[in-house]
Amino acid sequence: MNYYMAVLKNYAGFEGRARRSEFWYFTLINFVISTVLSAIGGAIGFEMIGSIYFLAVLVPSIAVAIRRMHDIGKSGWFMLIPIYNIILAATEGEQGENEYGSDPKA
């Protein structure tokens, strides 16, 4: 949950690097919350609740994805390449400093 809150606090931070754990925990918690909200919305007859949540976390989702690409030394644009972006997101980040900032593991 700490990673989820850290991403939300760095709402529109496209600079720097994000560790694998930060990206994947945010993705997992985001998926769970989205699923629960969609189920609740379906039960109460207000299906838009899932869409509202999606719009609320759209910018932080893009920001953490771009920072994840920066951690492996790639441009944020690599998130637009299907399937390859998942492979890159699962790849260990570069050790030490790279052109996008210092190592978040250190």
PDB file of N, CA and C in Angstrom:
ATOM      1  N   MET A   1       0.827  -1.196   0.000  1.00  0.00           N
ATOM      2  CA  MET A   1       0.000   0.000   0.000  1.00  0.00           C
ATOM      3  C   MET A   1       0.871   1.260   0.000  1.00  0.00           C
ATOM      4  N   ASN A   2       2.076   1.151   0.574  1.00  0.00           N
ATOM      5  CA  ASN A   2       2.981   2.311   0.612  1.00  0.00           C
ATOM      6  C   ASN A   2       3.380   2.743  -0.795  1.00  0.00           C
ATOM      7  N   TYR A   3       3.619   1.762  -1.676  1.00  0.00           N
ATOM      8  CA  TYR A   3       3.988   2.097  -3.049  1.00  0.00           C
ATOM      9  C   TYR A   3       2.838   2.801  -3.759  1.00  0.00           C
ATOM     10  N   TYR A   4       1.623   2.360  -3.506  1.00  0.00           N
ATOM     11  CA  TYR A   4       0.449   2.970  -4.129  1.00  0.00           C
ATOM     12  C   TYR A   4       0.343   4.440  -3.718  1.00  0.00           C
ATOM     13  N   MET A   5       0.496   4.685  -2.428  1.00  0.00           N
ATOM     14  CA  MET A   5       0.409   6.058  -1.927  1.00  0.00           C
ATOM     15  C   MET A   5       1.581   6.904  -2.424  1.00  0.00           C
ATOM     16  N   ALA A   6       2.756   6.303  -2.548  1.00  0.00           N
ATOM     17  CA  ALA A   6       3.928   7.040  -3.046  1.00  0.00           C
ATOM     18  C   ALA A   6       3.705   7.501  -4.481  1.00  0.00           C
ATOM     19  N   VAL A   7       3.082   6.641  -5.290  1.00  0.00           N
ATOM     20  CA  VAL A   7       2.795   7.014  -6.680  1.00  0.00           C
ATOM     21  C   VAL A   7       1.767   8.135  -6.713  1.00  0.00           C
ATOM     22  N   LEU A   8       0.753   8.053  -5.874  1.00  0.00           N
ATOM     23  CA  LEU A   8      -0.263   9.110  -5.855  1.00  0.00           C
ATOM     24  C   LEU A   8       0.311  10.433  -5.350  1.00  0.00           C
ATOM     25  N   LYS A   9       1.248  10.374  -4.411  1.00  0.00           N
ATOM     26  CA  LYS A   9       1.875  11.609  -3.916  1.00  0.00           C
ATOM     27  C   LYS A   9       2.743  12.256  -4.995  1.00  0.00           C
ATOM     28  N   ASN A  10       3.354  11.425  -5.832  1.00  0.00           N
ATOM     29  CA  ASN A  10       4.166  11.930  -6.946  1.00  0.00           C
ATOM     30  C   ASN A  10       3.286  11.936  -8.196  1.00  0.00           C
ATOM     31  N   TYR A  11       2.126  12.545  -8.068  1.00  0.00           N
ATOM     32  CA  TYR A  11       1.028  12.485  -9.029  1.00  0.00           C
ATOM     33  C   TYR A  11       1.444  12.677 -10.479  1.00  0.00           C
ATOM     34  N   ALA A  12       2.157  13.729 -10.752  1.00  0.00           N
ATOM     35  CA  ALA A  12       2.517  14.025 -12.141  1.00  0.00           C
ATOM     36  C   ALA A  12       4.030  14.121 -12.294  1.00  0.00           C
ATOM     37  N   GLY A  13       4.754  13.300 -11.544  1.00  0.00           N
ATOM     38  CA  GLY A  13       6.211  13.309 -11.624  1.00  0.00           C
ATOM     39  C   GLY A  13       6.692  12.380 -12.718  1.00  0.00           C
ATOM     40  N   PHE A  14       7.027  12.953 -13.861  1.00  0.00           N
ATOM     41  CA  PHE A  14       7.480  12.155 -14.999  1.00  0.00           C
ATOM     42  C   PHE A  14       9.000  12.047 -15.040  1.00  0.00           C
ATOM     43  N   GLU A  15       9.678  12.738 -14.137  1.00  0.00           N
ATOM     44  CA  GLU A  15      11.135  12.717 -14.074  1.00  0.00           C
ATOM     45  C   GLU A  15      11.572  11.684 -13.052  1.00  0.00           C
ATOM     46  N   GLY A  16      12.731  11.127 -13.252  1.00  0.00           N
ATOM     47  CA  GLY A  16      13.277  10.185 -12.291  1.00  0.00           C
ATOM     48  C   GLY A  16      13.008   8.740 -12.678  1.00  0.00           C
ATOM     49  N   ARG A  17      13.158   7.860 -11.684  1.00  0.00           N
ATOM     50  CA  ARG A  17      13.067   6.423 -11.927  1.00  0.00           C
ATOM     51  C   ARG A  17      12.148   5.773 -10.910  1.00  0.00           C
ATOM     52  N   ALA A  18      11.509   4.669 -11.307  1.00  0.00           N
ATOM     53  CA  ALA A  18      10.633   3.905 -10.413  1.00  0.00           C
ATOM     54  C   ALA A  18      11.082   2.447 -10.404  1.00  0.00           C
ATOM     55  N   ARG A  19      11.186   1.871  -9.229  1.00  0.00           N
ATOM     56  CA  ARG A  19      11.567   0.476  -9.097  1.00  0.00           C
ATOM     57  C   ARG A  19      10.469  -0.434  -9.629  1.00  0.00           C
ATOM     58  N   ARG A  20      10.841  -1.686  -9.898  1.00  0.00           N
ATOM     59  CA  ARG A  20       9.853  -2.675 -10.346  1.00  0.00           C
ATOM     60  C   ARG A  20       8.749  -2.829  -9.325  1.00  0.00           C
ATOM     61  N   SER A  21       9.123  -2.925  -8.059  1.00  0.00           N
ATOM     62  CA  SER A  21       8.117  -3.135  -7.016  1.00  0.00           C
ATOM     63  C   SER A  21       7.122  -1.980  -6.956  1.00  0.00           C
ATOM     64  N   GLU A  22       7.601  -0.764  -7.101  1.00  0.00           N
ATOM     65  CA  GLU A  22       6.701   0.398  -7.085  1.00  0.00           C
ATOM     66  C   GLU A  22       5.693   0.312  -8.222  1.00  0.00           C
ATOM     67  N   PHE A  23       6.175   0.011  -9.421  1.00  0.00           N
ATOM     68  CA  PHE A  23       5.300  -0.081 -10.579  1.00  0.00           C
ATOM     69  C   PHE A  23       4.296  -1.216 -10.454  1.00  0.00           C
ATOM     70  N   TRP A  24       4.771  -2.421 -10.102  1.00  0.00           N
ATOM     71  CA  TRP A  24       3.889  -3.588 -10.077  1.00  0.00           C
ATOM     72  C   TRP A  24       2.914  -3.567  -8.911  1.00  0.00           C
ATOM     73  N   TYR A  25       3.340  -3.080  -7.734  1.00  0.00           N
ATOM     74  CA  TYR A  25       2.395  -2.965  -6.627  1.00  0.00           C
ATOM     75  C   TYR A  25       1.322  -1.927  -6.937  1.00  0.00           C
ATOM     76  N   PHE A  26       1.714  -0.824  -7.553  1.00  0.00           N
ATOM     77  CA  PHE A  26       0.717   0.164  -7.948  1.00  0.00           C
ATOM     78  C   PHE A  26      -0.269  -0.445  -8.944  1.00  0.00           C
ATOM     79  N   THR A  27       0.234  -1.192  -9.915  1.00  0.00           N
ATOM     80  CA  THR A  27      -0.621  -1.823 -10.916  1.00  0.00           C
ATOM     81  C   THR A  27      -1.570  -2.824 -10.265  1.00  0.00           C
ATOM     82  N   LEU A  28      -1.066  -3.639  -9.347  1.00  0.00           N
ATOM     83  CA  LEU A  28      -1.892  -4.638  -8.668  1.00  0.00           C
ATOM     84  C   LEU A  28      -2.988  -3.989  -7.833  1.00  0.00           C
ATOM     85  N   ILE A  29      -2.613  -3.030  -7.001  1.00  0.00           N
ATOM     86  CA  ILE A  29      -3.598  -2.372  -6.144  1.00  0.00           C
ATOM     87  C   ILE A  29      -4.602  -1.600  -6.987  1.00  0.00           C
ATOM     88  N   ASN A  30      -4.139  -0.979  -8.050  1.00  0.00           N
ATOM     89  CA  ASN A  30      -5.022  -0.255  -8.962  1.00  0.00           C
ATOM     90  C   ASN A  30      -6.047  -1.211  -9.575  1.00  0.00           C
ATOM     91  N   PHE A  31      -5.608  -2.405  -9.979  1.00  0.00           N
ATOM     92  CA  PHE A  31      -6.509  -3.404 -10.557  1.00  0.00           C
ATOM     93  C   PHE A  31      -7.544  -3.874  -9.539  1.00  0.00           C
ATOM     94  N   VAL A  32      -7.104  -4.134  -8.316  1.00  0.00           N
ATOM     95  CA  VAL A  32      -8.026  -4.598  -7.273  1.00  0.00           C
ATOM     96  C   VAL A  32      -9.071  -3.532  -6.965  1.00  0.00           C
ATOM     97  N   ILE A  33      -8.631  -2.300  -6.781  1.00  0.00           N
ATOM     98  CA  ILE A  33      -9.574  -1.212  -6.488  1.00  0.00           C
ATOM     99  C   ILE A  33     -10.549  -1.031  -7.642  1.00  0.00           C
ATOM    100  N   SER A  34     -10.058  -1.088  -8.851  1.00  0.00           N
ATOM    101  CA  SER A  34     -10.902  -0.926 -10.033  1.00  0.00           C
ATOM    102  C   SER A  34     -11.955  -2.030 -10.110  1.00  0.00           C
ATOM    103  N   THR A  35     -11.538  -3.266  -9.839  1.00  0.00           N
ATOM    104  CA  THR A  35     -12.467  -4.395  -9.870  1.00  0.00           C
ATOM    105  C   THR A  35     -13.541  -4.261  -8.799  1.00  0.00           C
ATOM    106  N   VAL A  36     -13.135  -3.894  -7.594  1.00  0.00           N
ATOM    107  CA  VAL A  36     -14.081  -3.730  -6.497  1.00  0.00           C
ATOM    108  C   VAL A  36     -15.063  -2.596  -6.800  1.00  0.00           C
ATOM    109  N   LEU A  37     -14.555  -1.482  -7.292  1.00  0.00           N
ATOM    110  CA  LEU A  37     -15.443  -0.357  -7.612  1.00  0.00           C
ATOM    111  C   LEU A  37     -16.414  -0.706  -8.735  1.00  0.00           C
ATOM    112  N   SER A  38     -15.962  -1.467  -9.704  1.00  0.00           N
ATOM    113  CA  SER A  38     -16.854  -1.884 -10.790  1.00  0.00           C
ATOM    114  C   SER A  38     -17.949  -2.812 -10.265  1.00  0.00           C
ATOM    115  N   ALA A  39     -17.585  -3.716  -9.362  1.00  0.00           N
ATOM    116  CA  ALA A  39     -18.577  -4.614  -8.768  1.00  0.00           C
ATOM    117  C   ALA A  39     -19.585  -3.836  -7.928  1.00  0.00           C
ATOM    118  N   ILE A  40     -19.093  -2.901  -7.132  1.00  0.00           N
ATOM    119  CA  ILE A  40     -19.986  -2.072  -6.317  1.00  0.00           C
ATOM    120  C   ILE A  40     -20.873  -1.221  -7.211  1.00  0.00           C
ATOM    121  N   GLY A  41     -20.286  -0.647  -8.253  1.00  0.00           N
ATOM    122  CA  GLY A  41     -21.066   0.163  -9.184  1.00  0.00           C
ATOM    123  C   GLY A  41     -22.152  -0.646  -9.875  1.00  0.00           C
ATOM    124  N   GLY A  42     -21.847  -1.882 -10.238  1.00  0.00           N
ATOM    125  CA  GLY A  42     -22.848  -2.746 -10.844  1.00  0.00           C
ATOM    126  C   GLY A  42     -23.954  -3.107  -9.870  1.00  0.00           C
ATOM    127  N   ALA A  43     -23.600  -3.292  -8.595  1.00  0.00           N
ATOM    128  CA  ALA A  43     -24.579  -3.663  -7.579  1.00  0.00           C
ATOM    129  C   ALA A  43     -25.528  -2.517  -7.246  1.00  0.00           C
ATOM    130  N   ILE A  44     -25.002  -1.297  -7.246  1.00  0.00           N
ATOM    131  CA  ILE A  44     -25.863  -0.162  -6.884  1.00  0.00           C
ATOM    132  C   ILE A  44     -26.457   0.538  -8.102  1.00  0.00           C
ATOM    133  N   GLY A  45     -26.087   0.079  -9.294  1.00  0.00           N
ATOM    134  CA  GLY A  45     -26.653   0.656 -10.504  1.00  0.00           C
ATOM    135  C   GLY A  45     -25.957   1.920 -10.979  1.00  0.00           C
ATOM    136  N   PHE A  46     -24.728   2.147 -10.538  1.00  0.00           N
ATOM    137  CA  PHE A  46     -23.966   3.323 -10.949  1.00  0.00           C
ATOM    138  C   PHE A  46     -22.627   2.849 -11.508  1.00  0.00           C
ATOM    139  N   GLU A  47     -22.648   2.379 -12.762  1.00  0.00           N
ATOM    140  CA  GLU A  47     -21.472   1.786 -13.386  1.00  0.00           C
ATOM    141  C   GLU A  47     -20.358   2.805 -13.643  1.00  0.00           C
ATOM    142  N   MET A  48     -20.663   4.064 -13.602  1.00  0.00           N
ATOM    143  CA  MET A  48     -19.688   5.122 -13.883  1.00  0.00           C
ATOM    144  C   MET A  48     -18.624   5.242 -12.800  1.00  0.00           C
ATOM    145  N   ILE A  49     -18.824   4.642 -11.650  1.00  0.00           N
ATOM    146  CA  ILE A  49     -17.870   4.788 -10.555  1.00  0.00           C
ATOM    147  C   ILE A  49     -16.492   4.246 -10.937  1.00  0.00           C
ATOM    148  N   GLY A  50     -16.449   3.154 -11.689  1.00  0.00           N
ATOM    149  CA  GLY A  50     -15.178   2.602 -12.171  1.00  0.00           C
ATOM    150  C   GLY A  50     -14.492   3.537 -13.157  1.00  0.00           C
ATOM    151  N   SER A  51     -15.279   4.164 -14.013  1.00  0.00           N
ATOM    152  CA  SER A  51     -14.736   5.110 -14.989  1.00  0.00           C
ATOM    153  C   SER A  51     -14.191   6.365 -14.318  1.00  0.00           C
ATOM    154  N   ILE A  52     -14.857   6.818 -13.287  1.00  0.00           N
ATOM    155  CA  ILE A  52     -14.402   7.991 -12.549  1.00  0.00           C
ATOM    156  C   ILE A  52     -13.058   7.688 -11.877  1.00  0.00           C
ATOM    157  N   TYR A  53     -12.961   6.503 -11.277  1.00  0.00           N
ATOM    158  CA  TYR A  53     -11.692   6.105 -10.656  1.00  0.00           C
ATOM    159  C   TYR A  53     -10.588   6.003 -11.708  1.00  0.00           C
ATOM    160  N   PHE A  54     -10.898   5.403 -12.854  1.00  0.00           N
ATOM    161  CA  PHE A  54      -9.917   5.276 -13.933  1.00  0.00           C
ATOM    162  C   PHE A  54      -9.380   6.643 -14.336  1.00  0.00           C
ATOM    163  N   LEU A  55     -10.247   7.615 -14.490  1.00  0.00           N
ATOM    164  CA  LEU A  55      -9.807   8.964 -14.865  1.00  0.00           C
ATOM    165  C   LEU A  55      -8.982   9.612 -13.753  1.00  0.00           C
ATOM    166  N   ALA A  56      -9.317   9.302 -12.502  1.00  0.00           N
ATOM    167  CA  ALA A  56      -8.592   9.896 -11.379  1.00  0.00           C
ATOM    168  C   ALA A  56      -7.152   9.392 -11.297  1.00  0.00           C
ATOM    169  N   VAL A  57      -6.919   8.144 -11.684  1.00  0.00           N
ATOM    170  CA  VAL A  57      -5.561   7.586 -11.579  1.00  0.00           C
ATOM    171  C   VAL A  57      -4.870   7.473 -12.935  1.00  0.00           C
ATOM    172  N   LEU A  58      -5.411   8.068 -13.963  1.00  0.00           N
ATOM    173  CA  LEU A  58      -4.815   7.989 -15.295  1.00  0.00           C
ATOM    174  C   LEU A  58      -3.425   8.647 -15.340  1.00  0.00           C
ATOM    175  N   VAL A  59      -3.325   9.857 -14.870  1.00  0.00           N
ATOM    176  CA  VAL A  59      -2.042  10.571 -14.912  1.00  0.00           C
ATOM    177  C   VAL A  59      -0.995   9.884 -14.025  1.00  0.00           C
ATOM    178  N   PRO A  60      -1.326   9.480 -12.776  1.00  0.00           N
ATOM    179  CA  PRO A  60      -0.314   8.769 -11.988  1.00  0.00           C
ATOM    180  C   PRO A  60       0.103   7.439 -12.627  1.00  0.00           C
ATOM    181  N   SER A  61      -0.798   6.764 -13.298  1.00  0.00           N
ATOM    182  CA  SER A  61      -0.469   5.499 -13.968  1.00  0.00           C
ATOM    183  C   SER A  61       0.524   5.724 -15.101  1.00  0.00           C
ATOM    184  N   ILE A  62       0.295   6.752 -15.869  1.00  0.00           N
ATOM    185  CA  ILE A  62       1.211   7.078 -16.967  1.00  0.00           C
ATOM    186  C   ILE A  62       2.564   7.509 -16.409  1.00  0.00           C
ATOM    187  N   ALA A  63       2.535   8.315 -15.348  1.00  0.00           N
ATOM    188  CA  ALA A  63       3.776   8.820 -14.757  1.00  0.00           C
ATOM    189  C   ALA A  63       4.635   7.682 -14.211  1.00  0.00           C
ATOM    190  N   VAL A  64       4.041   6.738 -13.482  1.00  0.00           N
ATOM    191  CA  VAL A  64       4.830   5.645 -12.923  1.00  0.00           C
ATOM    192  C   VAL A  64       5.333   4.723 -14.034  1.00  0.00           C
ATOM    193  N   ALA A  65       4.581   4.557 -15.107  1.00  0.00           N
ATOM    194  CA  ALA A  65       5.031   3.739 -16.235  1.00  0.00           C
ATOM    195  C   ALA A  65       6.240   4.383 -16.922  1.00  0.00           C
ATOM    196  N   ILE A  66       6.192   5.681 -17.082  1.00  0.00           N
ATOM    197  CA  ILE A  66       7.318   6.393 -17.698  1.00  0.00           C
ATOM    198  C   ILE A  66       8.547   6.317 -16.797  1.00  0.00           C
ATOM    199  N   ARG A  67       8.358   6.513 -15.494  1.00  0.00           N
ATOM    200  CA  ARG A  67       9.490   6.403 -14.576  1.00  0.00           C
ATOM    201  C   ARG A  67      10.056   4.986 -14.556  1.00  0.00           C
ATOM    202  N   ARG A  68       9.194   3.979 -14.749  1.00  0.00           N
ATOM    203  CA  ARG A  68       9.668   2.591 -14.810  1.00  0.00           C
ATOM    204  C   ARG A  68      10.564   2.384 -16.025  1.00  0.00           C
ATOM    205  N   MET A  69      10.171   2.954 -17.167  1.00  0.00           N
ATOM    206  CA  MET A  69      11.006   2.858 -18.364  1.00  0.00           C
ATOM    207  C   MET A  69      12.345   3.573 -18.158  1.00  0.00           C
ATOM    208  N   HIS A  70      12.296   4.695 -17.456  1.00  0.00           N
ATOM    209  CA  HIS A  70      13.528   5.428 -17.158  1.00  0.00           C
ATOM    210  C   HIS A  70      14.475   4.585 -16.312  1.00  0.00           C
ATOM    211  N   ASP A  71      13.936   3.761 -15.430  1.00  0.00           N
ATOM    212  CA  ASP A  71      14.771   2.947 -14.555  1.00  0.00           C
ATOM    213  C   ASP A  71      15.593   1.926 -15.337  1.00  0.00           C
ATOM    214  N   ILE A  72      15.101   1.493 -16.480  1.00  0.00           N
ATOM    215  CA  ILE A  72      15.870   0.532 -17.277  1.00  0.00           C
ATOM    216  C   ILE A  72      16.627   1.221 -18.405  1.00  0.00           C
ATOM    217  N   GLY A  73      16.633   2.549 -18.381  1.00  0.00           N
ATOM    218  CA  GLY A  73      17.422   3.305 -19.341  1.00  0.00           C
ATOM    219  C   GLY A  73      16.734   3.542 -20.673  1.00  0.00           C
ATOM    220  N   LYS A  74      15.430   3.400 -20.717  1.00  0.00           N
ATOM    221  CA  LYS A  74      14.667   3.611 -21.958  1.00  0.00           C
ATOM    222  C   LYS A  74      13.821   4.869 -21.838  1.00  0.00           C
ATOM    223  N   SER A  75      13.429   5.374 -22.983  1.00  0.00           N
ATOM    224  CA  SER A  75      12.518   6.521 -23.023  1.00  0.00           C
ATOM    225  C   SER A  75      11.121   6.068 -22.592  1.00  0.00           C
ATOM    226  N   GLY A  76      10.357   6.984 -22.053  1.00  0.00           N
ATOM    227  CA  GLY A  76       8.983   6.679 -21.657  1.00  0.00           C
ATOM    228  C   GLY A  76       8.104   6.254 -22.812  1.00  0.00           C
ATOM    229  N   TRP A  77       8.485   6.596 -24.022  1.00  0.00           N
ATOM    230  CA  TRP A  77       7.700   6.232 -25.204  1.00  0.00           C
ATOM    231  C   TRP A  77       7.647   4.716 -25.413  1.00  0.00           C
ATOM    232  N   PHE A  78       8.560   3.978 -24.811  1.00  0.00           N
ATOM    233  CA  PHE A  78       8.561   2.522 -24.952  1.00  0.00           C
ATOM    234  C   PHE A  78       7.317   1.890 -24.333  1.00  0.00           C
ATOM    235  N   MET A  79       6.601   2.614 -23.468  1.00  0.00           N
ATOM    236  CA  MET A  79       5.362   2.083 -22.887  1.00  0.00           C
ATOM    237  C   MET A  79       4.262   1.930 -23.940  1.00  0.00           C
ATOM    238  N   LEU A  80       4.437   2.532 -25.099  1.00  0.00           N
ATOM    239  CA  LEU A  80       3.429   2.439 -26.157  1.00  0.00           C
ATOM    240  C   LEU A  80       3.586   1.196 -27.028  1.00  0.00           C
ATOM    241  N   ILE A  81       4.662   0.439 -26.839  1.00  0.00           N
ATOM    242  CA  ILE A  81       4.899  -0.751 -27.656  1.00  0.00           C
ATOM    243  C   ILE A  81       4.261  -1.955 -26.965  1.00  0.00           C
ATOM    244  N   PRO A  82       3.227  -2.535 -27.558  1.00  0.00           N
ATOM    245  CA  PRO A  82       2.536  -3.661 -26.916  1.00  0.00           C
ATOM    246  C   PRO A  82       3.471  -4.848 -26.669  1.00  0.00           C
ATOM    247  N   ILE A  83       3.222  -5.567 -25.616  1.00  0.00           N
ATOM    248  CA  ILE A  83       3.935  -6.762 -25.163  1.00  0.00           C
ATOM    249  C   ILE A  83       5.372  -6.435 -24.746  1.00  0.00           C
ATOM    250  N   TYR A  84       6.112  -5.734 -25.582  1.00  0.00           N
ATOM    251  CA  TYR A  84       7.489  -5.381 -25.234  1.00  0.00           C
ATOM    252  C   TYR A  84       7.517  -4.527 -23.975  1.00  0.00           C
ATOM    253  N   ASN A  85       6.496  -3.679 -23.789  1.00  0.00           N
ATOM    254  CA  ASN A  85       6.464  -2.835 -22.601  1.00  0.00           C
ATOM    255  C   ASN A  85       6.319  -3.667 -21.320  1.00  0.00           C
ATOM    256  N   ILE A  86       5.622  -4.774 -21.381  1.00  0.00           N
ATOM    257  CA  ILE A  86       5.484  -5.647 -20.215  1.00  0.00           C
ATOM    258  C   ILE A  86       6.827  -6.303 -19.899  1.00  0.00           C
ATOM    259  N   ILE A  87       7.522  -6.728 -20.946  1.00  0.00           N
ATOM    260  CA  ILE A  87       8.848  -7.326 -20.758  1.00  0.00           C
ATOM    261  C   ILE A  87       9.793  -6.303 -20.134  1.00  0.00           C
ATOM    262  N   LEU A  88       9.758  -5.080 -20.638  1.00  0.00           N
ATOM    263  CA  LEU A  88      10.618  -4.030 -20.088  1.00  0.00           C
ATOM    264  C   LEU A  88      10.249  -3.707 -18.639  1.00  0.00           C
ATOM    265  N   ALA A  89       8.963  -3.665 -18.335  1.00  0.00           N
ATOM    266  CA  ALA A  89       8.523  -3.344 -16.976  1.00  0.00           C
ATOM    267  C   ALA A  89       8.953  -4.414 -15.983  1.00  0.00           C
ATOM    268  N   ALA A  90       9.138  -5.644 -16.456  1.00  0.00           N
ATOM    269  CA  ALA A  90       9.562  -6.740 -15.586  1.00  0.00           C
ATOM    270  C   ALA A  90      11.079  -6.876 -15.510  1.00  0.00           C
ATOM    271  N   THR A  91      11.788  -6.126 -16.328  1.00  0.00           N
ATOM    272  CA  THR A  91      13.246  -6.185 -16.359  1.00  0.00           C
ATOM    273  C   THR A  91      13.838  -5.403 -15.188  1.00  0.00           C
ATOM    274  N   GLU A  92      14.926  -5.930 -14.637  1.00  0.00           N
ATOM    275  CA  GLU A  92      15.591  -5.235 -13.541  1.00  0.00           C
ATOM    276  C   GLU A  92      16.177  -3.919 -14.044  1.00  0.00           C
ATOM    277  N   GLY A  93      16.093  -2.896 -13.222  1.00  0.00           N
ATOM    278  CA  GLY A  93      16.600  -1.585 -13.591  1.00  0.00           C
ATOM    279  C   GLY A  93      18.113  -1.541 -13.638  1.00  0.00           C
ATOM    280  N   GLU A  94      18.624  -0.509 -14.291  1.00  0.00           N
ATOM    281  CA  GLU A  94      20.076  -0.318 -14.368  1.00  0.00           C
ATOM    282  C   GLU A  94      20.624   0.014 -12.986  1.00  0.00           C
ATOM    283  N   GLN A  95      21.736  -0.602 -12.655  1.00  0.00           N
ATOM    284  CA  GLN A  95      22.380  -0.296 -11.386  1.00  0.00           C
ATOM    285  C   GLN A  95      23.168   0.989 -11.533  1.00  0.00           C
ATOM    286  N   GLY A  96      23.155   1.765 -10.482  1.00  0.00           N
ATOM    287  CA  GLY A  96      23.861   3.039 -10.511  1.00  0.00           C
ATOM    288  C   GLY A  96      23.053   4.111 -11.214  1.00  0.00           C
ATOM    289  N   GLU A  97      23.685   5.211 -11.439  1.00  0.00           N
ATOM    290  CA  GLU A  97      23.017   6.353 -12.052  1.00  0.00           C
ATOM    291  C   GLU A  97      22.946   6.183 -13.566  1.00  0.00           C
ATOM    292  N   ASN A  98      21.848   6.622 -14.151  1.00  0.00           N
ATOM    293  CA  ASN A  98      21.748   6.674 -15.608  1.00  0.00           C
ATOM    294  C   ASN A  98      21.297   8.082 -15.994  1.00  0.00           C
ATOM    295  N   GLU A  99      20.993   8.292 -17.263  1.00  0.00           N
ATOM    296  CA  GLU A  99      20.665   9.652 -17.729  1.00  0.00           C
ATOM    297  C   GLU A  99      19.374  10.195 -17.136  1.00  0.00           C
ATOM    298  N   TYR A 100      18.572   9.335 -16.505  1.00  0.00           N
ATOM    299  CA  TYR A 100      17.290   9.775 -15.947  1.00  0.00           C
ATOM    300  C   TYR A 100      17.324  10.018 -14.444  1.00  0.00           C
ATOM    301  N   GLY A 101      18.429   9.697 -13.814  1.00  0.00           N
ATOM    302  CA  GLY A 101      18.550   9.963 -12.378  1.00  0.00           C
ATOM    303  C   GLY A 101      19.295   8.874 -11.654  1.00  0.00           C
ATOM    304  N   SER A 102      19.293   8.997 -10.331  1.00  0.00           N
ATOM    305  CA  SER A 102      20.024   8.035  -9.508  1.00  0.00           C
ATOM    306  C   SER A 102      19.217   6.759  -9.307  1.00  0.00           C
ATOM    307  N   ASP A 103      19.885   5.702  -8.918  1.00  0.00           N
ATOM    308  CA  ASP A 103      19.278   4.397  -8.706  1.00  0.00           C
ATOM    309  C   ASP A 103      18.322   4.442  -7.513  1.00  0.00           C
ATOM    310  N   PRO A 104      17.024   4.132  -7.716  1.00  0.00           N
ATOM    311  CA  PRO A 104      16.089   4.178  -6.601  1.00  0.00           C
ATOM    312  C   PRO A 104      16.321   3.072  -5.568  1.00  0.00           C
ATOM    313  N   LYS A 105      17.055   2.029  -5.938  1.00  0.00           N
ATOM    314  CA  LYS A 105      17.370   0.951  -4.999  1.00  0.00           C
ATOM    315  C   LYS A 105      18.434   1.361  -3.996  1.00  0.00           C
ATOM    316  N   ALA A 106      19.281   2.284  -4.396  1.00  0.00           N
ATOM    317  CA  ALA A 106      20.428   2.646  -3.548  1.00  0.00           C
ATOM    318  C   ALA A 106      20.029   3.508  -2.383  1.00  0.00           C
TER     319      ALA A 106
END
